C-alpha atoms as a PDB file:
ATOM      1  CA  MET A   1     -14.455 -21.302  -3.136  1.00  0.00           C
ATOM      2  CA  GLY A   2     -17.327 -23.743  -2.968  1.00  0.00           C
ATOM      3  CA  GLU A   3     -17.500 -27.058  -1.170  1.00  0.00           C
ATOM      4  CA  THR A   4     -15.749 -29.664  -3.304  1.00  0.00           C
ATOM      5  CA  ASP A   5     -16.279 -33.423  -3.428  1.00  0.00           C
ATOM      6  CA  VAL A   6     -13.336 -35.047  -5.199  1.00  0.00           C
ATOM      7  CA  SER A   7     -14.071 -38.502  -6.570  1.00  0.00           C
ATOM      8  CA  ASN A   8     -12.485 -38.668 -10.014  1.00  0.00           C
ATOM      9  CA  THR A   9     -10.094 -36.025 -11.328  1.00  0.00           C
ATOM     10  CA  GLU A  10      -9.165 -37.760 -14.555  1.00  0.00           C
ATOM     11  CA  THR A  11      -9.555 -35.450 -17.557  1.00  0.00           C
ATOM     12  CA  SER A  12      -9.848 -36.285 -21.232  1.00  0.00           C
ATOM     13  CA  PRO A  13      -7.627 -34.849 -23.971  1.00  0.00           C
ATOM     14  CA  VAL A  14     -10.544 -32.515 -24.666  1.00  0.00           C
ATOM     15  CA  GLY A  15     -10.507 -31.218 -21.114  1.00  0.00           C
ATOM     16  CA  ARG A  16      -6.740 -30.696 -21.142  1.00  0.00           C
ATOM     17  CA  ALA A  17      -7.012 -28.748 -24.394  1.00  0.00           C
ATOM     18  CA  TRP A  18      -8.959 -26.020 -22.607  1.00  0.00           C
ATOM     19  CA  ASP A  19      -7.229 -23.420 -20.426  1.00  0.00           C
ATOM     20  CA  ALA A  20      -9.644 -22.379 -17.687  1.00  0.00           C
ATOM     21  CA  GLU A  21      -8.310 -18.828 -17.663  1.00  0.00           C
ATOM     22  CA  VAL A  22      -9.062 -18.228 -21.368  1.00  0.00           C
ATOM     23  CA  TYR A  23     -12.076 -20.490 -21.819  1.00  0.00           C
ATOM     24  CA  ASP A  24     -14.969 -18.048 -21.960  1.00  0.00           C
ATOM     25  CA  ALA A  25     -14.054 -15.597 -24.718  1.00  0.00           C
ATOM     26  CA  PRO A  26     -13.603 -18.253 -27.444  1.00  0.00           C
ATOM     27  CA  ARG A  27     -16.908 -19.864 -26.478  1.00  0.00           C
ATOM     28  CA  HIS A  28     -18.723 -16.620 -27.296  1.00  0.00           C
ATOM     29  CA  ARG A  29     -17.225 -16.787 -30.794  1.00  0.00           C
ATOM     30  CA  LEU A  30     -17.504 -20.545 -31.339  1.00  0.00           C
ATOM     31  CA  VAL A  31     -21.120 -20.953 -30.205  1.00  0.00           C
ATOM     32  CA  PRO A  32     -23.363 -19.078 -32.673  1.00  0.00           C
ATOM     33  CA  ASP A  33     -26.411 -17.483 -31.043  1.00  0.00           C
ATOM     34  CA  PHE A  34     -24.641 -17.819 -27.694  1.00  0.00           C
ATOM     35  CA  GLN A  35     -27.226 -15.835 -25.735  1.00  0.00           C
ATOM     36  CA  ARG A  36     -30.224 -17.740 -27.114  1.00  0.00           C
ATOM     37  CA  PHE A  37     -28.476 -21.082 -26.681  1.00  0.00           C
ATOM     38  CA  TYR A  38     -27.686 -20.590 -22.988  1.00  0.00           C
ATOM     39  CA  GLY A  39     -30.710 -18.390 -22.360  1.00  0.00           C
ATOM     40  CA  THR A  40     -33.160 -20.989 -23.666  1.00  0.00           C
ATOM     41  CA  ALA A  41     -31.696 -23.604 -21.331  1.00  0.00           C
ATOM     42  CA  ALA A  42     -32.010 -21.252 -18.363  1.00  0.00           C
ATOM     43  CA  GLU A  43     -35.584 -20.284 -19.250  1.00  0.00           C
ATOM     44  CA  LEU A  44     -36.560 -23.955 -19.167  1.00  0.00           C
ATOM     45  CA  VAL A  45     -35.406 -24.171 -15.544  1.00  0.00           C
ATOM     46  CA  ALA A  46     -37.598 -21.148 -14.823  1.00  0.00           C
ATOM     47  CA  LEU A  47     -40.590 -23.196 -16.056  1.00  0.00           C
ATOM     48  CA  LEU A  48     -40.489 -24.994 -12.702  1.00  0.00           C
ATOM     49  CA  ASP A  49     -41.923 -21.866 -11.042  1.00  0.00           C
ATOM     50  CA  HIS A  50     -39.760 -22.641  -8.020  1.00  0.00           C
ATOM     51  CA  ALA A  51     -38.117 -19.753  -6.165  1.00  0.00           C
ATOM     52  CA  ALA A  52     -35.123 -21.802  -5.039  1.00  0.00           C
ATOM     53  CA  PRO A  53     -34.736 -24.915  -7.207  1.00  0.00           C
ATOM     54  CA  ARG A  54     -31.930 -27.356  -6.493  1.00  0.00           C
ATOM     55  CA  VAL A  55     -29.917 -27.414  -9.732  1.00  0.00           C
ATOM     56  CA  LEU A  56     -27.135 -29.811 -10.750  1.00  0.00           C
ATOM     57  CA  ASP A  57     -24.959 -28.581 -13.648  1.00  0.00           C
ATOM     58  CA  LEU A  58     -23.140 -31.446 -15.403  1.00  0.00           C
ATOM     59  CA  GLY A  59     -19.841 -30.606 -17.104  1.00  0.00           C
ATOM     60  CA  ALA A  60     -20.233 -27.135 -15.640  1.00  0.00           C
ATOM     61  CA  GLY A  61     -16.829 -25.823 -16.719  1.00  0.00           C
ATOM     62  CA  THR A  62     -16.403 -22.176 -15.752  1.00  0.00           C
ATOM     63  CA  GLY A  63     -20.051 -21.792 -14.818  1.00  0.00           C
ATOM     64  CA  LEU A  64     -21.464 -20.170 -17.952  1.00  0.00           C
ATOM     65  CA  LEU A  65     -24.703 -22.162 -17.871  1.00  0.00           C
ATOM     66  CA  SER A  66     -25.055 -21.884 -14.100  1.00  0.00           C
ATOM     67  CA  ALA A  67     -24.676 -18.121 -14.417  1.00  0.00           C
ATOM     68  CA  ALA A  68     -27.479 -18.075 -16.986  1.00  0.00           C
ATOM     69  CA  VAL A  69     -29.657 -20.205 -14.696  1.00  0.00           C
ATOM     70  CA  ARG A  70     -29.008 -17.856 -11.786  1.00  0.00           C
ATOM     71  CA  ALA A  71     -29.919 -14.859 -13.961  1.00  0.00           C
ATOM     72  CA  ALA A  72     -33.241 -16.525 -14.831  1.00  0.00           C
ATOM     73  CA  VAL A  73     -33.852 -17.909 -11.316  1.00  0.00           C
ATOM     74  CA  PRO A  74     -31.845 -15.828  -8.795  1.00  0.00           C
ATOM     75  CA  GLY A  75     -32.643 -18.158  -5.906  1.00  0.00           C
ATOM     76  CA  ALA A  76     -31.314 -21.311  -7.611  1.00  0.00           C
ATOM     77  CA  ARG A  77     -29.223 -23.508  -5.326  1.00  0.00           C
ATOM     78  CA  LEU A  78     -26.386 -24.656  -7.558  1.00  0.00           C
ATOM     79  CA  THR A  79     -24.206 -27.764  -7.556  1.00  0.00           C
ATOM     80  CA  LEU A  80     -21.551 -27.731 -10.288  1.00  0.00           C
ATOM     81  CA  LEU A  81     -19.941 -30.990 -11.456  1.00  0.00           C
ATOM     82  CA  ASP A  82     -16.907 -31.140 -13.738  1.00  0.00           C
ATOM     83  CA  GLY A  83     -13.800 -33.265 -14.207  1.00  0.00           C
ATOM     84  CA  ASP A  84     -11.505 -30.216 -14.136  1.00  0.00           C
ATOM     85  CA  GLY A  85     -11.024 -28.542 -10.770  1.00  0.00           C
ATOM     86  CA  ALA A  86      -9.376 -25.502 -12.371  1.00  0.00           C
ATOM     87  CA  MET A  87     -12.533 -24.859 -14.381  1.00  0.00           C
ATOM     88  CA  LEU A  88     -14.639 -25.091 -11.242  1.00  0.00           C
ATOM     89  CA  ALA A  89     -12.331 -22.652  -9.459  1.00  0.00           C
ATOM     90  CA  VAL A  90     -13.089 -20.106 -12.188  1.00  0.00           C
ATOM     91  CA  ALA A  91     -16.796 -20.892 -11.809  1.00  0.00           C
ATOM     92  CA  CYS A  92     -16.595 -20.137  -8.087  1.00  0.00           C
ATOM     93  CA  GLU A  93     -14.986 -16.779  -8.848  1.00  0.00           C
ATOM     94  CA  ARG A  94     -17.918 -16.028 -11.153  1.00  0.00           C
ATOM     95  CA  LEU A  95     -20.737 -17.350  -8.958  1.00  0.00           C
ATOM     96  CA  GLY A  96     -19.525 -17.025  -5.392  1.00  0.00           C
ATOM     97  CA  PRO A  97     -20.072 -19.821  -2.862  1.00  0.00           C
ATOM     98  CA  VAL A  98     -21.539 -22.849  -4.621  1.00  0.00           C
ATOM     99  CA  ARG A  99     -21.099 -26.563  -4.129  1.00  0.00           C
ATOM    100  CA  THR A 100     -18.687 -28.148  -6.600  1.00  0.00           C
ATOM    101  CA  VAL A 101     -18.028 -31.802  -7.363  1.00  0.00           C
ATOM    102  CA  VAL A 102     -14.882 -32.840  -9.242  1.00  0.00           C
ATOM    103  CA  GLN A 103     -15.588 -36.010 -11.211  1.00  0.00           C
ATOM    104  CA  ASP A 104     -16.260 -37.152 -14.749  1.00  0.00           C
ATOM    105  CA  LEU A 105     -19.665 -37.861 -16.236  1.00  0.00           C
ATOM    106  CA  GLY A 106     -19.226 -41.635 -16.077  1.00  0.00           C
ATOM    107  CA  ALA A 107     -19.319 -41.727 -12.273  1.00  0.00           C
ATOM    108  CA  SER A 108     -22.364 -41.877 -10.010  1.00  0.00           C
ATOM    109  CA  LEU A 109     -24.122 -38.532  -9.721  1.00  0.00           C
ATOM    110  CA  PRO A 110     -24.625 -36.685  -6.433  1.00  0.00           C
ATOM    111  CA  ALA A 111     -27.640 -38.183  -4.696  1.00  0.00           C
ATOM    112  CA  GLY A 112     -29.984 -35.228  -4.915  1.00  0.00           C
ATOM    113  CA  PRO A 113     -32.876 -34.992  -5.253  1.00  0.00           C
ATOM    114  CA  PHE A 114     -32.568 -32.085  -7.694  1.00  0.00           C
ATOM    115  CA  ASP A 115     -35.354 -30.033  -9.182  1.00  0.00           C
ATOM    116  CA  ALA A 116     -33.314 -29.521 -12.356  1.00  0.00           C
ATOM    117  CA  VAL A 117     -30.296 -31.151 -13.953  1.00  0.00           C
ATOM    118  CA  VAL A 118     -28.708 -29.092 -16.714  1.00  0.00           C
ATOM    119  CA  SER A 119     -25.726 -29.450 -19.014  1.00  0.00           C
ATOM    120  CA  ALA A 120     -24.093 -27.434 -21.779  1.00  0.00           C
ATOM    121  CA  LEU A 121     -21.687 -28.795 -24.378  1.00  0.00           C
ATOM    122  CA  ALA A 122     -20.424 -31.671 -22.251  1.00  0.00           C
ATOM    123  CA  ILE A 123     -22.428 -34.861 -22.795  1.00  0.00           C
ATOM    124  CA  HIS A 124     -21.376 -35.138 -26.453  1.00  0.00           C
ATOM    125  CA  HIS A 125     -17.974 -36.300 -25.182  1.00  0.00           C
ATOM    126  CA  LEU A 126     -19.609 -39.610 -24.162  1.00  0.00           C
ATOM    127  CA  ASP A 127     -20.323 -42.415 -26.601  1.00  0.00           C
ATOM    128  CA  ASP A 128     -23.956 -43.360 -27.248  1.00  0.00           C
ATOM    129  CA  ASP A 129     -24.087 -45.978 -24.493  1.00  0.00           C
ATOM    130  CA  GLY A 130     -22.544 -43.458 -22.112  1.00  0.00           C
ATOM    131  CA  LYS A 131     -25.179 -40.868 -23.011  1.00  0.00           C
ATOM    132  CA  ARG A 132     -28.035 -43.314 -22.481  1.00  0.00           C
ATOM    133  CA  GLY A 133     -26.594 -44.435 -19.151  1.00  0.00           C
ATOM    134  CA  LEU A 134     -26.152 -40.843 -18.012  1.00  0.00           C
ATOM    135  CA  TYR A 135     -29.734 -39.976 -18.981  1.00  0.00           C
ATOM    136  CA  ARG A 136     -30.946 -42.844 -16.787  1.00  0.00           C
ATOM    137  CA  ARG A 137     -28.794 -41.656 -13.857  1.00  0.00           C
ATOM    138  CA  VAL A 138     -30.087 -38.105 -14.316  1.00  0.00           C
ATOM    139  CA  HIS A 139     -33.673 -39.359 -14.094  1.00  0.00           C
ATOM    140  CA  GLU A 140     -32.830 -41.183 -10.859  1.00  0.00           C
ATOM    141  CA  VAL A 141     -31.596 -38.024  -9.088  1.00  0.00           C
ATOM    142  CA  LEU A 142     -34.429 -35.747 -10.237  1.00  0.00           C
ATOM    143  CA  ALA A 143     -37.286 -34.957  -7.890  1.00  0.00           C
ATOM    144  CA  PRO A 144     -40.762 -35.822  -9.211  1.00  0.00           C
ATOM    145  CA  GLY A 145     -41.679 -33.173 -11.765  1.00  0.00           C
ATOM    146  CA  GLY A 146     -38.050 -32.105 -12.149  1.00  0.00           C
ATOM    147  CA  ILE A 147     -36.540 -31.126 -15.491  1.00  0.00           C
ATOM    148  CA  PHE A 148     -33.452 -32.218 -17.407  1.00  0.00           C
ATOM    149  CA  VAL A 149     -32.107 -29.675 -19.909  1.00  0.00           C
ATOM    150  CA  ASN A 150     -29.281 -30.465 -22.318  1.00  0.00           C
ATOM    151  CA  ALA A 151     -27.795 -27.608 -24.364  1.00  0.00           C
ATOM    152  CA  GLU A 152     -25.699 -29.658 -26.702  1.00  0.00           C
ATOM    153  CA  GLN A 153     -23.671 -30.033 -29.855  1.00  0.00           C
ATOM    154  CA  VAL A 154     -25.393 -32.646 -32.006  1.00  0.00           C
ATOM    155  CA  ALA A 155     -24.721 -34.689 -35.131  1.00  0.00           C
ATOM    156  CA  GLY A 156     -26.642 -34.264 -38.342  1.00  0.00           C
ATOM    157  CA  PRO A 157     -29.053 -37.028 -39.348  1.00  0.00           C
ATOM    158  CA  THR A 158     -27.122 -37.577 -42.631  1.00  0.00           C
ATOM    159  CA  ASP A 159     -23.690 -36.833 -44.059  1.00  0.00           C
ATOM    160  CA  TRP A 160     -25.316 -34.049 -46.089  1.00  0.00           C
ATOM    161  CA  HIS A 161     -26.449 -32.356 -42.889  1.00  0.00           C
ATOM    162  CA  GLU A 162     -23.079 -32.924 -41.208  1.00  0.00           C
ATOM    163  CA  HIS A 163     -21.281 -31.147 -44.047  1.00  0.00           C
ATOM    164  CA  ARG A 164     -23.621 -28.180 -43.807  1.00  0.00           C
ATOM    165  CA  TYR A 165     -23.383 -28.037 -40.029  1.00  0.00           C
ATOM    166  CA  ALA A 166     -19.602 -27.786 -40.366  1.00  0.00           C
ATOM    167  CA  THR A 167     -19.824 -25.147 -43.098  1.00  0.00           C
ATOM    168  CA  PHE A 168     -22.304 -22.973 -41.193  1.00  0.00           C
ATOM    169  CA  HIS A 169     -20.391 -23.359 -37.922  1.00  0.00           C
ATOM    170  CA  GLU A 170     -17.141 -22.108 -39.431  1.00  0.00           C
ATOM    171  CA  ARG A 171     -18.932 -19.298 -41.268  1.00  0.00           C
ATOM    172  CA  ASP A 172     -20.644 -18.104 -38.101  1.00  0.00           C
ATOM    173  CA  ALA A 173     -17.522 -18.416 -35.949  1.00  0.00           C
ATOM    174  CA  ARG A 174     -15.471 -16.430 -38.451  1.00  0.00           C
ATOM    175  CA  ALA A 175     -18.166 -13.747 -38.561  1.00  0.00           C
ATOM    176  CA  LEU A 176     -17.939 -13.476 -34.767  1.00  0.00           C
ATOM    177  CA  GLY A 177     -14.166 -12.942 -34.942  1.00  0.00           C
ATOM    178  CA  SER A 178     -12.658 -16.419 -34.673  1.00  0.00           C
ATOM    179  CA  ASP A 179      -9.249 -16.403 -36.403  1.00  0.00           C
ATOM    180  CA  ASP A 180      -7.345 -19.226 -38.096  1.00  0.00           C
ATOM    181  CA  ALA A 181      -5.554 -20.350 -34.933  1.00  0.00           C
ATOM    182  CA  GLU A 182      -8.707 -20.431 -32.833  1.00  0.00           C
ATOM    183  CA  TRP A 183     -10.710 -22.293 -35.472  1.00  0.00           C
ATOM    184  CA  GLU A 184      -7.948 -24.856 -36.015  1.00  0.00           C
ATOM    185  CA  ALA A 185      -7.762 -25.437 -32.257  1.00  0.00           C
ATOM    186  CA  ALA A 186     -11.528 -25.920 -32.207  1.00  0.00           C
ATOM    187  CA  LEU A 187     -11.255 -28.539 -34.940  1.00  0.00           C
ATOM    188  CA  VAL A 188      -8.652 -30.416 -32.871  1.00  0.00           C
ATOM    189  CA  ARG A 189     -11.011 -30.494 -29.887  1.00  0.00           C
ATOM    190  CA  MET A 190     -14.019 -31.482 -31.993  1.00  0.00           C
ATOM    191  CA  ALA A 191     -12.103 -34.485 -33.309  1.00  0.00           C
ATOM    192  CA  TYR A 192     -12.760 -36.067 -29.881  1.00  0.00           C
ATOM    193  CA  ASP A 193     -16.512 -35.372 -30.004  1.00  0.00           C
ATOM    194  CA  ARG A 194     -19.042 -38.226 -30.124  1.00  0.00           C
ATOM    195  CA  CYS A 195     -22.136 -36.298 -31.121  1.00  0.00           C
ATOM    196  CA  ALA A 196     -25.488 -37.985 -31.697  1.00  0.00           C
ATOM    197  CA  PRO A 197     -28.490 -36.714 -33.687  1.00  0.00           C
ATOM    198  CA  VAL A 198     -31.255 -34.850 -31.895  1.00  0.00           C
ATOM    199  CA  ASP A 199     -33.976 -37.331 -32.857  1.00  0.00           C
ATOM    200  CA  ALA A 200     -32.021 -40.244 -31.414  1.00  0.00           C
ATOM    201  CA  GLN A 201     -31.419 -38.418 -28.139  1.00  0.00           C
ATOM    202  CA  LEU A 202     -35.061 -37.393 -27.799  1.00  0.00           C
ATOM    203  CA  GLY A 203     -35.922 -41.065 -28.212  1.00  0.00           C
ATOM    204  CA  TRP A 204     -33.404 -42.068 -25.547  1.00  0.00           C
ATOM    205  CA  LEU A 205     -34.971 -39.597 -23.125  1.00  0.00           C
ATOM    206  CA  ARG A 206     -38.450 -41.001 -23.793  1.00  0.00           C
ATOM    207  CA  ASP A 207     -37.138 -44.531 -23.239  1.00  0.00           C
ATOM    208  CA  VAL A 208     -35.855 -43.669 -19.722  1.00  0.00           C
ATOM    209  CA  PRO A 209     -38.767 -42.573 -19.422  1.00  0.00           C
ATOM    210  CA  PHE A 210     -38.777 -38.773 -19.364  1.00  0.00           C
ATOM    211  CA  GLU A 211     -42.083 -37.042 -20.060  1.00  0.00           C
ATOM    212  CA  ARG A 212     -42.946 -33.995 -22.214  1.00  0.00           C
ATOM    213  CA  VAL A 213     -39.686 -34.432 -24.127  1.00  0.00           C
ATOM    214  CA  ASP A 214     -39.129 -31.699 -26.688  1.00  0.00           C
ATOM    215  CA  LEU A 215     -36.635 -29.657 -28.689  1.00  0.00           C
ATOM    216  CA  ALA A 216     -36.615 -26.023 -27.558  1.00  0.00           C
ATOM    217  CA  PHE A 217     -33.873 -24.510 -29.758  1.00  0.00           C
ATOM    218  CA  LYS A 218     -31.735 -25.574 -32.692  1.00  0.00           C
ATOM    219  CA  ARG A 219     -29.217 -23.777 -34.882  1.00  0.00           C
ATOM    220  CA  HIS A 220     -27.500 -26.343 -37.081  1.00  0.00           C
ATOM    221  CA  ARG A 221     -25.268 -28.393 -34.729  1.00  0.00           C
ATOM    222  CA  PHE A 222     -26.320 -26.570 -31.548  1.00  0.00           C
ATOM    223  CA  ALA A 223     -29.534 -27.720 -29.873  1.00  0.00           C
ATOM    224  CA  VAL A 224     -31.383 -27.416 -26.554  1.00  0.00           C
ATOM    225  CA  PHE A 225     -33.697 -30.267 -25.610  1.00  0.00           C
ATOM    226  CA  TYR A 226     -35.379 -31.345 -22.400  1.00  0.00           C
ATOM    227  CA  GLY A 227     -37.677 -33.721 -20.564  1.00  0.00           C
ATOM    228  CA  PHE A 228     -39.445 -33.946 -17.196  1.00  0.00           C
ATOM    229  CA  ALA A 229     -39.354 -36.651 -14.558  1.00  0.00           C
ATOM    230  CA  GLY A 230     -42.782 -38.062 -13.796  1.00  0.00           C
ATOM    231  CA  GLY A 231     -44.646 -37.008 -10.685  1.00  0.00           C
END
């Protein structure tokens, strides 16, 4: 088990809906283009050309993104933050000794500095003000030249897009083997989501200000975007 800082163990109804022991298999079915989604985020960390970057994973869950980062950058020094200690216990089984921090995304972040802050499918649980505040806190803990990468579920820019995102998501999940029960459970969890459009979030990053902000991957409601701290 990794070192654990416990500051806030409150979990949302979304967090309680997940069982840490059976979390990973459904995610492979419910996230279309799973390998490209996580792989793109990890490749962006590798852009740092740093043999042992200090990486903070926000909403790390069972460590899927951290595992992808480690595959891309084997020397990465990982800190995993999540509101669910059971999820982090599974992550430690996957990754071995890593530092873990049990707290929600609304609390102050570990002091850093970090060369990269990454997140996958977590920040969309915050409202828009919460996202903007978190982006500012991320910038504060990044080392000069560090990168923030968010692999995220996003809203469509119009209702027309939202309808098609939902249609394509179900189609793709069913094609990957998601059955009625799993898809219905996913819909229950997504009812708590507070997704924001990509363009809005890129603007929020620029306002912080992050530099070289860009969209690296998008498949309907799944997107990977990033920005660098100045320096």
